[in-house]
Structure formats: C-alpha cells, structure tokens
Amino acid sequence: MKNATNRLLDRVAAKIGKTSDYALAKAFDAPQQRISNYRHERTQMDDAVAVQAANLLGEDPALILAELHADRCKSMEARKHWYRIAKMLKAEAGQRAAA
C-alpha cells in the first residue's frame, strides 16, 4: 500500500497530466532527487511541500497535512488521532462543498 506522500504525488501528477518525477519536480520547483526520495520512501514530504501540493490540487491544506502527519507517526495511538482528525476535516470539506 502506498504511503500518503506517494498517494499525494500521484494525485498531483494526475492533475498536471504528467507522471514523471521530473515533471513533478518542476511543478513543485524542487530538485528531482527530492521527488525521487519521496517516491522511494527515503524521505517524507515536509509541510511546506504538502501545502504547495494542496494549492496545486485546490484542496484544503489542513486535510493533507493531517493525512501526512498520520503516516509519519511512530506511535499507533497518535496515528489513530491524526487519522480521526483527517476524517473530521474530510467530512467538514464535504459539508462545505454540499452547501
């Protein structure tokens, strides 16, 4: 199963219509090696890049940050709470979209 960083990169790639790490690096104005490190799970996406991704997708950065933080947690207890926060934010976003 892909981690939240890779799922997010996939969504950005679909949005920009290009799947290469090179194209993603250009979209984020970042070195290609950074994207490659994310893809191979050598590093995890930092908050600033996550906010950039949210802006590229036109989504609420808070939801994306919560999902990424859940993935980063070493503690299962903390992870459970981050996923709960993400779920609440997703429900709130759905309510705003429906209004």
PDB file of N, CA and C in Angstrom:
ATOM      1  N   MET A   1       0.841  -1.184   0.000  1.00  0.00           N
ATOM      2  CA  MET A   1       0.000   0.000   0.000  1.00  0.00           C
ATOM      3  C   MET A   1       0.887   1.250   0.000  1.00  0.00           C
ATOM      4  N   LYS A   2       0.538   2.211  -0.814  1.00  0.00           N
ATOM      5  CA  LYS A   2       1.317   3.446  -0.904  1.00  0.00           C
ATOM      6  C   LYS A   2       1.099   4.306   0.337  1.00  0.00           C
ATOM      7  N   ASN A   3       2.156   5.022   0.704  1.00  0.00           N
ATOM      8  CA  ASN A   3       2.015   5.946   1.819  1.00  0.00           C
ATOM      9  C   ASN A   3       1.316   7.225   1.350  1.00  0.00           C
ATOM     10  N   ALA A   4       0.985   8.087   2.302  1.00  0.00           N
ATOM     11  CA  ALA A   4       0.235   9.305   1.981  1.00  0.00           C
ATOM     12  C   ALA A   4       1.016  10.210   1.029  1.00  0.00           C
ATOM     13  N   THR A   5       2.332  10.264   1.172  1.00  0.00           N
ATOM     14  CA  THR A   5       3.144  11.095   0.290  1.00  0.00           C
ATOM     15  C   THR A   5       3.016  10.625  -1.155  1.00  0.00           C
ATOM     16  N   ASN A   6       3.135   9.331  -1.391  1.00  0.00           N
ATOM     17  CA  ASN A   6       3.035   8.813  -2.759  1.00  0.00           C
ATOM     18  C   ASN A   6       1.625   8.962  -3.324  1.00  0.00           C
ATOM     19  N   ARG A   7       0.621   8.776  -2.492  1.00  0.00           N
ATOM     20  CA  ARG A   7      -0.753   8.988  -2.962  1.00  0.00           C
ATOM     21  C   ARG A   7      -0.951  10.444  -3.368  1.00  0.00           C
ATOM     22  N   LEU A   8      -0.382  11.353  -2.586  1.00  0.00           N
ATOM     23  CA  LEU A   8      -0.489  12.772  -2.894  1.00  0.00           C
ATOM     24  C   LEU A   8       0.261  13.107  -4.182  1.00  0.00           C
ATOM     25  N   LEU A   9       1.453  12.569  -4.352  1.00  0.00           N
ATOM     26  CA  LEU A   9       2.207  12.791  -5.585  1.00  0.00           C
ATOM     27  C   LEU A   9       1.442  12.269  -6.792  1.00  0.00           C
ATOM     28  N   ASP A  10       0.803  11.117  -6.644  1.00  0.00           N
ATOM     29  CA  ASP A  10       0.003  10.560  -7.740  1.00  0.00           C
ATOM     30  C   ASP A  10      -1.145  11.498  -8.113  1.00  0.00           C
ATOM     31  N   ARG A  11      -1.780  12.080  -7.112  1.00  0.00           N
ATOM     32  CA  ARG A  11      -2.895  12.989  -7.378  1.00  0.00           C
ATOM     33  C   ARG A  11      -2.426  14.258  -8.074  1.00  0.00           C
ATOM     34  N   VAL A  12      -1.275  14.781  -7.641  1.00  0.00           N
ATOM     35  CA  VAL A  12      -0.726  15.970  -8.301  1.00  0.00           C
ATOM     36  C   VAL A  12      -0.343  15.631  -9.735  1.00  0.00           C
ATOM     37  N   ALA A  13       0.281  14.467  -9.939  1.00  0.00           N
ATOM     38  CA  ALA A  13       0.667  14.047 -11.292  1.00  0.00           C
ATOM     39  C   ALA A  13      -0.555  13.959 -12.192  1.00  0.00           C
ATOM     40  N   ALA A  14      -1.643  13.402 -11.687  1.00  0.00           N
ATOM     41  CA  ALA A  14      -2.872  13.303 -12.476  1.00  0.00           C
ATOM     42  C   ALA A  14      -3.420  14.692 -12.793  1.00  0.00           C
ATOM     43  N   LYS A  15      -3.328  15.589 -11.837  1.00  0.00           N
ATOM     44  CA  LYS A  15      -3.836  16.953 -12.035  1.00  0.00           C
ATOM     45  C   LYS A  15      -3.050  17.690 -13.115  1.00  0.00           C
ATOM     46  N   ILE A  16      -1.719  17.526 -13.115  1.00  0.00           N
ATOM     47  CA  ILE A  16      -0.910  18.248 -14.103  1.00  0.00           C
ATOM     48  C   ILE A  16      -0.780  17.461 -15.407  1.00  0.00           C
ATOM     49  N   GLY A  17      -1.260  16.223 -15.403  1.00  0.00           N
ATOM     50  CA  GLY A  17      -1.247  15.419 -16.617  1.00  0.00           C
ATOM     51  C   GLY A  17       0.114  14.851 -16.978  1.00  0.00           C
ATOM     52  N   LYS A  18       1.004  14.773 -16.011  1.00  0.00           N
ATOM     53  CA  LYS A  18       2.343  14.226 -16.247  1.00  0.00           C
ATOM     54  C   LYS A  18       2.739  13.376 -15.059  1.00  0.00           C
ATOM     55  N   THR A  19       3.386  12.243 -15.332  1.00  0.00           N
ATOM     56  CA  THR A  19       3.668  11.310 -14.245  1.00  0.00           C
ATOM     57  C   THR A  19       5.138  11.220 -13.848  1.00  0.00           C
ATOM     58  N   SER A  20       6.031  11.840 -14.592  1.00  0.00           N
ATOM     59  CA  SER A  20       7.453  11.684 -14.285  1.00  0.00           C
ATOM     60  C   SER A  20       7.853  12.485 -13.051  1.00  0.00           C
ATOM     61  N   ASP A  21       8.884  11.999 -12.367  1.00  0.00           N
ATOM     62  CA  ASP A  21       9.433  12.736 -11.231  1.00  0.00           C
ATOM     63  C   ASP A  21       9.947  14.097 -11.689  1.00  0.00           C
ATOM     64  N   TYR A  22      10.475  14.142 -12.902  1.00  0.00           N
ATOM     65  CA  TYR A  22      10.971  15.402 -13.452  1.00  0.00           C
ATOM     66  C   TYR A  22       9.840  16.431 -13.539  1.00  0.00           C
ATOM     67  N   ALA A  23       8.695  16.018 -14.070  1.00  0.00           N
ATOM     68  CA  ALA A  23       7.550  16.928 -14.199  1.00  0.00           C
ATOM     69  C   ALA A  23       7.035  17.364 -12.833  1.00  0.00           C
ATOM     70  N   LEU A  24       7.002  16.422 -11.883  1.00  0.00           N
ATOM     71  CA  LEU A  24       6.565  16.779 -10.532  1.00  0.00           C
ATOM     72  C   LEU A  24       7.539  17.755  -9.891  1.00  0.00           C
ATOM     73  N   ALA A  25       8.818  17.536 -10.099  1.00  0.00           N
ATOM     74  CA  ALA A  25       9.827  18.438  -9.540  1.00  0.00           C
ATOM     75  C   ALA A  25       9.634  19.852 -10.089  1.00  0.00           C
ATOM     76  N   LYS A  26       9.346  19.953 -11.378  1.00  0.00           N
ATOM     77  CA  LYS A  26       9.105  21.272 -11.978  1.00  0.00           C
ATOM     78  C   LYS A  26       7.847  21.912 -11.378  1.00  0.00           C
ATOM     79  N   ALA A  27       6.805  21.112 -11.158  1.00  0.00           N
ATOM     80  CA  ALA A  27       5.564  21.638 -10.587  1.00  0.00           C
ATOM     81  C   ALA A  27       5.785  22.173  -9.175  1.00  0.00           C
ATOM     82  N   PHE A  28       6.666  21.517  -8.432  1.00  0.00           N
ATOM     83  CA  PHE A  28       6.960  21.928  -7.058  1.00  0.00           C
ATOM     84  C   PHE A  28       8.148  22.880  -6.973  1.00  0.00           C
ATOM     85  N   ASP A  29       8.783  23.152  -8.125  1.00  0.00           N
ATOM     86  CA  ASP A  29      10.003  23.967  -8.147  1.00  0.00           C
ATOM     87  C   ASP A  29      11.010  23.404  -7.139  1.00  0.00           C
ATOM     88  N   ALA A  30      11.230  22.103  -7.254  1.00  0.00           N
ATOM     89  CA  ALA A  30      12.107  21.371  -6.334  1.00  0.00           C
ATOM     90  C   ALA A  30      13.070  20.502  -7.138  1.00  0.00           C
ATOM     91  N   PRO A  31      14.162  20.092  -6.518  1.00  0.00           N
ATOM     92  CA  PRO A  31      15.070  19.173  -7.214  1.00  0.00           C
ATOM     93  C   PRO A  31      14.388  17.829  -7.489  1.00  0.00           C
ATOM     94  N   GLN A  32      14.696  17.242  -8.623  1.00  0.00           N
ATOM     95  CA  GLN A  32      14.116  15.951  -8.977  1.00  0.00           C
ATOM     96  C   GLN A  32      14.455  14.890  -7.931  1.00  0.00           C
ATOM     97  N   GLN A  33      15.643  14.976  -7.344  1.00  0.00           N
ATOM     98  CA  GLN A  33      16.055  13.997  -6.334  1.00  0.00           C
ATOM     99  C   GLN A  33      15.121  14.004  -5.135  1.00  0.00           C
ATOM    100  N   ARG A  34      14.576  15.170  -4.789  1.00  0.00           N
ATOM    101  CA  ARG A  34      13.643  15.239  -3.657  1.00  0.00           C
ATOM    102  C   ARG A  34      12.400  14.407  -3.958  1.00  0.00           C
ATOM    103  N   ILE A  35      11.875  14.549  -5.173  1.00  0.00           N
ATOM    104  CA  ILE A  35      10.686  13.786  -5.561  1.00  0.00           C
ATOM    105  C   ILE A  35      11.013  12.289  -5.575  1.00  0.00           C
ATOM    106  N   SER A  36      12.164  11.951  -6.093  1.00  0.00           N
ATOM    107  CA  SER A  36      12.605  10.555  -6.119  1.00  0.00           C
ATOM    108  C   SER A  36      12.721   9.997  -4.693  1.00  0.00           C
ATOM    109  N   ASN A  37      13.251  10.795  -3.790  1.00  0.00           N
ATOM    110  CA  ASN A  37      13.355  10.360  -2.393  1.00  0.00           C
ATOM    111  C   ASN A  37      11.981  10.125  -1.783  1.00  0.00           C
ATOM    112  N   TYR A  38      11.019  10.988  -2.114  1.00  0.00           N
ATOM    113  CA  TYR A  38       9.645  10.771  -1.650  1.00  0.00           C
ATOM    114  C   TYR A  38       9.095   9.467  -2.226  1.00  0.00           C
ATOM    115  N   ARG A  39       9.285   9.280  -3.517  1.00  0.00           N
ATOM    116  CA  ARG A  39       8.737   8.105  -4.208  1.00  0.00           C
ATOM    117  C   ARG A  39       9.283   6.800  -3.628  1.00  0.00           C
ATOM    118  N   HIS A  40      10.561   6.803  -3.277  1.00  0.00           N
ATOM    119  CA  HIS A  40      11.194   5.582  -2.776  1.00  0.00           C
ATOM    120  C   HIS A  40      11.185   5.504  -1.251  1.00  0.00           C
ATOM    121  N   GLU A  41      10.414   6.416  -0.633  1.00  0.00           N
ATOM    122  CA  GLU A  41      10.200   6.445   0.812  1.00  0.00           C
ATOM    123  C   GLU A  41      11.492   6.587   1.606  1.00  0.00           C
ATOM    124  N   ARG A  42      12.478   7.266   0.988  1.00  0.00           N
ATOM    125  CA  ARG A  42      13.706   7.582   1.722  1.00  0.00           C
ATOM    126  C   ARG A  42      13.474   8.785   2.630  1.00  0.00           C
ATOM    127  N   THR A  43      12.602   9.678   2.191  1.00  0.00           N
ATOM    128  CA  THR A  43      12.186  10.824   2.998  1.00  0.00           C
ATOM    129  C   THR A  43      10.686  10.986   2.853  1.00  0.00           C
ATOM    130  N   GLN A  44      10.111  11.762   3.763  1.00  0.00           N
ATOM    131  CA  GLN A  44       8.687  12.047   3.690  1.00  0.00           C
ATOM    132  C   GLN A  44       8.490  13.516   3.367  1.00  0.00           C
ATOM    133  N   MET A  45       7.401  13.805   2.717  1.00  0.00           N
ATOM    134  CA  MET A  45       7.111  15.163   2.298  1.00  0.00           C
ATOM    135  C   MET A  45       6.992  16.081   3.505  1.00  0.00           C
ATOM    136  N   ASP A  46       7.685  17.221   3.435  1.00  0.00           N
ATOM    137  CA  ASP A  46       7.580  18.181   4.529  1.00  0.00           C
ATOM    138  C   ASP A  46       6.320  19.020   4.370  1.00  0.00           C
ATOM    139  N   ASP A  47       5.984  19.757   5.409  1.00  0.00           N
ATOM    140  CA  ASP A  47       4.731  20.507   5.436  1.00  0.00           C
ATOM    141  C   ASP A  47       4.653  21.576   4.350  1.00  0.00           C
ATOM    142  N   ALA A  48       5.762  22.246   4.070  1.00  0.00           N
ATOM    143  CA  ALA A  48       5.736  23.315   3.063  1.00  0.00           C
ATOM    144  C   ALA A  48       5.396  22.754   1.681  1.00  0.00           C
ATOM    145  N   VAL A  49       5.967  21.614   1.338  1.00  0.00           N
ATOM    146  CA  VAL A  49       5.675  20.988   0.042  1.00  0.00           C
ATOM    147  C   VAL A  49       4.240  20.462   0.035  1.00  0.00           C
ATOM    148  N   ALA A  50       3.775  19.965   1.166  1.00  0.00           N
ATOM    149  CA  ALA A  50       2.402  19.475   1.264  1.00  0.00           C
ATOM    150  C   ALA A  50       1.402  20.604   1.019  1.00  0.00           C
ATOM    151  N   VAL A  51       1.691  21.782   1.549  1.00  0.00           N
ATOM    152  CA  VAL A  51       0.815  22.936   1.329  1.00  0.00           C
ATOM    153  C   VAL A  51       0.841  23.319  -0.154  1.00  0.00           C
ATOM    154  N   GLN A  52       2.013  23.254  -0.755  1.00  0.00           N
ATOM    155  CA  GLN A  52       2.127  23.509  -2.193  1.00  0.00           C
ATOM    156  C   GLN A  52       1.265  22.527  -2.984  1.00  0.00           C
ATOM    157  N   ALA A  53       1.317  21.248  -2.601  1.00  0.00           N
ATOM    158  CA  ALA A  53       0.514  20.224  -3.274  1.00  0.00           C
ATOM    159  C   ALA A  53      -0.969  20.528  -3.114  1.00  0.00           C
ATOM    160  N   ALA A  54      -1.372  20.908  -1.917  1.00  0.00           N
ATOM    161  CA  ALA A  54      -2.778  21.243  -1.674  1.00  0.00           C
ATOM    162  C   ALA A  54      -3.215  22.391  -2.576  1.00  0.00           C
ATOM    163  N   ASN A  55      -2.357  23.391  -2.696  1.00  0.00           N
ATOM    164  CA  ASN A  55      -2.684  24.528  -3.551  1.00  0.00           C
ATOM    165  C   ASN A  55      -2.775  24.112  -5.017  1.00  0.00           C
ATOM    166  N   LEU A  56      -1.878  23.244  -5.474  1.00  0.00           N
ATOM    167  CA  LEU A  56      -1.940  22.747  -6.848  1.00  0.00           C
ATOM    168  C   LEU A  56      -3.234  21.983  -7.096  1.00  0.00           C
ATOM    169  N   LEU A  57      -3.698  21.260  -6.080  1.00  0.00           N
ATOM    170  CA  LEU A  57      -4.913  20.462  -6.209  1.00  0.00           C
ATOM    171  C   LEU A  57      -6.183  21.259  -5.914  1.00  0.00           C
ATOM    172  N   GLY A  58      -6.026  22.449  -5.346  1.00  0.00           N
ATOM    173  CA  GLY A  58      -7.192  23.242  -4.962  1.00  0.00           C
ATOM    174  C   GLY A  58      -7.910  22.644  -3.768  1.00  0.00           C
ATOM    175  N   GLU A  59      -7.146  22.054  -2.865  1.00  0.00           N
ATOM    176  CA  GLU A  59      -7.721  21.382  -1.692  1.00  0.00           C
ATOM    177  C   GLU A  59      -7.266  22.057  -0.404  1.00  0.00           C
ATOM    178  N   ASP A  60      -7.951  21.726   0.667  1.00  0.00           N
ATOM    179  CA  ASP A  60      -7.637  22.280   1.978  1.00  0.00           C
ATOM    180  C   ASP A  60      -6.308  21.700   2.475  1.00  0.00           C
ATOM    181  N   PRO A  61      -5.314  22.541   2.718  1.00  0.00           N
ATOM    182  CA  PRO A  61      -4.029  22.035   3.208  1.00  0.00           C
ATOM    183  C   PRO A  61      -4.139  21.303   4.546  1.00  0.00           C
ATOM    184  N   ALA A  62      -5.084  21.696   5.392  1.00  0.00           N
ATOM    185  CA  ALA A  62      -5.210  21.064   6.705  1.00  0.00           C
ATOM    186  C   ALA A  62      -5.472  19.564   6.575  1.00  0.00           C
ATOM    187  N   LEU A  63      -6.311  19.173   5.646  1.00  0.00           N
ATOM    188  CA  LEU A  63      -6.617  17.755   5.450  1.00  0.00           C
ATOM    189  C   LEU A  63      -5.378  16.995   4.985  1.00  0.00           C
ATOM    190  N   ILE A  64      -4.676  17.558   4.034  1.00  0.00           N
ATOM    191  CA  ILE A  64      -3.476  16.900   3.516  1.00  0.00           C
ATOM    192  C   ILE A  64      -2.409  16.796   4.599  1.00  0.00           C
ATOM    193  N   LEU A  65      -2.236  17.861   5.373  1.00  0.00           N
ATOM    194  CA  LEU A  65      -1.250  17.831   6.460  1.00  0.00           C
ATOM    195  C   LEU A  65      -1.607  16.771   7.500  1.00  0.00           C
ATOM    196  N   ALA A  66      -2.883  16.651   7.817  1.00  0.00           N
ATOM    197  CA  ALA A  66      -3.303  15.648   8.798  1.00  0.00           C
ATOM    198  C   ALA A  66      -3.010  14.233   8.303  1.00  0.00           C
ATOM    199  N   GLU A  67      -3.278  13.973   7.022  1.00  0.00           N
ATOM    200  CA  GLU A  67      -3.002  12.647   6.458  1.00  0.00           C
ATOM    201  C   GLU A  67      -1.499  12.342   6.470  1.00  0.00           C
ATOM    202  N   LEU A  68      -0.695  13.332   6.126  1.00  0.00           N
ATOM    203  CA  LEU A  68       0.754  13.123   6.133  1.00  0.00           C
ATOM    204  C   LEU A  68       1.280  12.914   7.550  1.00  0.00           C
ATOM    205  N   HIS A  69       0.771  13.687   8.492  1.00  0.00           N
ATOM    206  CA  HIS A  69       1.218  13.525   9.876  1.00  0.00           C
ATOM    207  C   HIS A  69       0.822  12.156  10.426  1.00  0.00           C
ATOM    208  N   ALA A  70      -0.329  11.667  10.036  1.00  0.00           N
ATOM    209  CA  ALA A  70      -0.741  10.328  10.460  1.00  0.00           C
ATOM    210  C   ALA A  70       0.269   9.291   9.981  1.00  0.00           C
ATOM    211  N   ASP A  71       0.724   9.425   8.738  1.00  0.00           N
ATOM    212  CA  ASP A  71       1.717   8.496   8.196  1.00  0.00           C
ATOM    213  C   ASP A  71       3.053   8.579   8.914  1.00  0.00           C
ATOM    214  N   ARG A  72       3.422   9.759   9.350  1.00  0.00           N
ATOM    215  CA  ARG A  72       4.724   9.975   9.982  1.00  0.00           C
ATOM    216  C   ARG A  72       4.802   9.453  11.406  1.00  0.00           C
ATOM    217  N   CYS A  73       3.664   9.308  12.054  1.00  0.00           N
ATOM    218  CA  CYS A  73       3.643   8.944  13.472  1.00  0.00           C
ATOM    219  C   CYS A  73       4.255   7.569  13.728  1.00  0.00           C
ATOM    220  N   LYS A  74       5.085   7.519  14.729  1.00  0.00           N
ATOM    221  CA  LYS A  74       5.652   6.240  15.170  1.00  0.00           C
ATOM    222  C   LYS A  74       4.682   5.548  16.131  1.00  0.00           C
ATOM    223  N   SER A  75       3.962   6.346  16.870  1.00  0.00           N
ATOM    224  CA  SER A  75       3.022   5.834  17.860  1.00  0.00           C
ATOM    225  C   SER A  75       1.684   5.518  17.206  1.00  0.00           C
ATOM    226  N   MET A  76       1.211   4.300  17.397  1.00  0.00           N
ATOM    227  CA  MET A  76      -0.096   3.928  16.852  1.00  0.00           C
ATOM    228  C   MET A  76      -1.215   4.760  17.479  1.00  0.00           C
ATOM    229  N   GLU A  77      -1.059   5.109  18.740  1.00  0.00           N
ATOM    230  CA  GLU A  77      -2.062   5.932  19.419  1.00  0.00           C
ATOM    231  C   GLU A  77      -2.149   7.312  18.765  1.00  0.00           C
ATOM    232  N   ALA A  78      -1.013   7.942  18.536  1.00  0.00           N
ATOM    233  CA  ALA A  78      -1.002   9.262  17.885  1.00  0.00           C
ATOM    234  C   ALA A  78      -1.517   9.157  16.455  1.00  0.00           C
ATOM    235  N   ARG A  79      -1.117   8.100  15.750  1.00  0.00           N
ATOM    236  CA  ARG A  79      -1.562   7.896  14.372  1.00  0.00           C
ATOM    237  C   ARG A  79      -3.081   7.813  14.306  1.00  0.00           C
ATOM    238  N   LYS A  80      -3.671   7.091  15.244  1.00  0.00           N
ATOM    239  CA  LYS A  80      -5.128   6.946  15.289  1.00  0.00           C
ATOM    240  C   LYS A  80      -5.791   8.313  15.408  1.00  0.00           C
ATOM    241  N   HIS A  81      -5.227   9.198  16.222  1.00  0.00           N
ATOM    242  CA  HIS A  81      -5.814  10.525  16.406  1.00  0.00           C
ATOM    243  C   HIS A  81      -5.651  11.392  15.155  1.00  0.00           C
ATOM    244  N   TRP A  82      -4.488  11.297  14.503  1.00  0.00           N
ATOM    245  CA  TRP A  82      -4.305  12.058  13.267  1.00  0.00           C
ATOM    246  C   TRP A  82      -5.278  11.591  12.195  1.00  0.00           C
ATOM    247  N   TYR A  83      -5.507  10.281  12.085  1.00  0.00           N
ATOM    248  CA  TYR A  83      -6.481   9.790  11.113  1.00  0.00           C
ATOM    249  C   TYR A  83      -7.890  10.261  11.461  1.00  0.00           C
ATOM    250  N   ARG A  84      -8.192  10.336  12.749  1.00  0.00           N
ATOM    251  CA  ARG A  84      -9.502  10.827  13.178  1.00  0.00           C
ATOM    252  C   ARG A  84      -9.651  12.305  12.801  1.00  0.00           C
ATOM    253  N   ILE A  85      -8.592  13.080  12.988  1.00  0.00           N
ATOM    254  CA  ILE A  85      -8.616  14.490  12.606  1.00  0.00           C
ATOM    255  C   ILE A  85      -8.822  14.617  11.100  1.00  0.00           C
ATOM    256  N   ALA A  86      -8.094  13.822  10.331  1.00  0.00           N
ATOM    257  CA  ALA A  86      -8.233  13.851   8.870  1.00  0.00           C
ATOM    258  C   ALA A  86      -9.666  13.506   8.461  1.00  0.00           C
ATOM    259  N   LYS A  87     -10.240  12.524   9.117  1.00  0.00           N
ATOM    260  CA  LYS A  87     -11.617  12.113   8.798  1.00  0.00           C
ATOM    261  C   LYS A  87     -12.600  13.250   9.092  1.00  0.00           C
ATOM    262  N   MET A  88     -12.407  13.950  10.208  1.00  0.00           N
ATOM    263  CA  MET A  88     -13.284  15.068  10.549  1.00  0.00           C
ATOM    264  C   MET A  88     -13.131  16.206   9.536  1.00  0.00           C
ATOM    265  N   LEU A  89     -11.898  16.478   9.138  1.00  0.00           N
ATOM    266  CA  LEU A  89     -11.662  17.536   8.147  1.00  0.00           C
ATOM    267  C   LEU A  89     -12.279  17.183   6.801  1.00  0.00           C
ATOM    268  N   LYS A  90     -12.179  15.911   6.430  1.00  0.00           N
ATOM    269  CA  LYS A  90     -12.769  15.472   5.161  1.00  0.00           C
ATOM    270  C   LYS A  90     -14.296  15.627   5.203  1.00  0.00           C
ATOM    271  N   ALA A  91     -14.912  15.267   6.325  1.00  0.00           N
ATOM    272  CA  ALA A  91     -16.360  15.416   6.465  1.00  0.00           C
ATOM    273  C   ALA A  91     -16.756  16.896   6.405  1.00  0.00           C
ATOM    274  N   GLU A  92     -15.966  17.747   7.051  1.00  0.00           N
ATOM    275  CA  GLU A  92     -16.239  19.174   7.026  1.00  0.00           C
ATOM    276  C   GLU A  92     -16.124  19.734   5.608  1.00  0.00           C
ATOM    277  N   ALA A  93     -15.114  19.285   4.877  1.00  0.00           N
ATOM    278  CA  ALA A  93     -14.945  19.736   3.492  1.00  0.00           C
ATOM    279  C   ALA A  93     -16.122  19.285   2.632  1.00  0.00           C
ATOM    280  N   GLY A  94     -16.610  18.078   2.879  1.00  0.00           N
ATOM    281  CA  GLY A  94     -17.767  17.575   2.136  1.00  0.00           C
ATOM    282  C   GLY A  94     -19.015  18.379   2.424  1.00  0.00           C
ATOM    283  N   GLN A  95     -19.171  18.792   3.662  1.00  0.00           N
ATOM    284  CA  GLN A  95     -20.329  19.605   4.039  1.00  0.00           C
ATOM    285  C   GLN A  95     -20.276  20.977   3.384  1.00  0.00           C
ATOM    286  N   ARG A  96     -19.066  21.553   3.333  1.00  0.00           N
ATOM    287  CA  ARG A  96     -18.924  22.877   2.703  1.00  0.00           C
ATOM    288  C   ARG A  96     -19.201  22.781   1.210  1.00  0.00           C
ATOM    289  N   ALA A  97     -18.759  21.685   0.593  1.00  0.00           N
ATOM    290  CA  ALA A  97     -18.974  21.519  -0.853  1.00  0.00           C
ATOM    291  C   ALA A  97     -20.452  21.332  -1.170  1.00  0.00           C
ATOM    292  N   ALA A  98     -21.174  20.690  -0.255  1.00  0.00           N
ATOM    293  CA  ALA A  98     -22.591  20.427  -0.471  1.00  0.00           C
ATOM    294  C   ALA A  98     -23.440  21.682  -0.258  1.00  0.00           C
ATOM    295  N   ALA A  99     -22.909  22.626   0.507  1.00  0.00           N
ATOM    296  CA  ALA A  99     -23.696  23.853   0.831  1.00  0.00           C
ATOM    297  C   ALA A  99     -23.716  24.844  -0.287  1.00  0.00           C
TER     298      ALA A  99
END
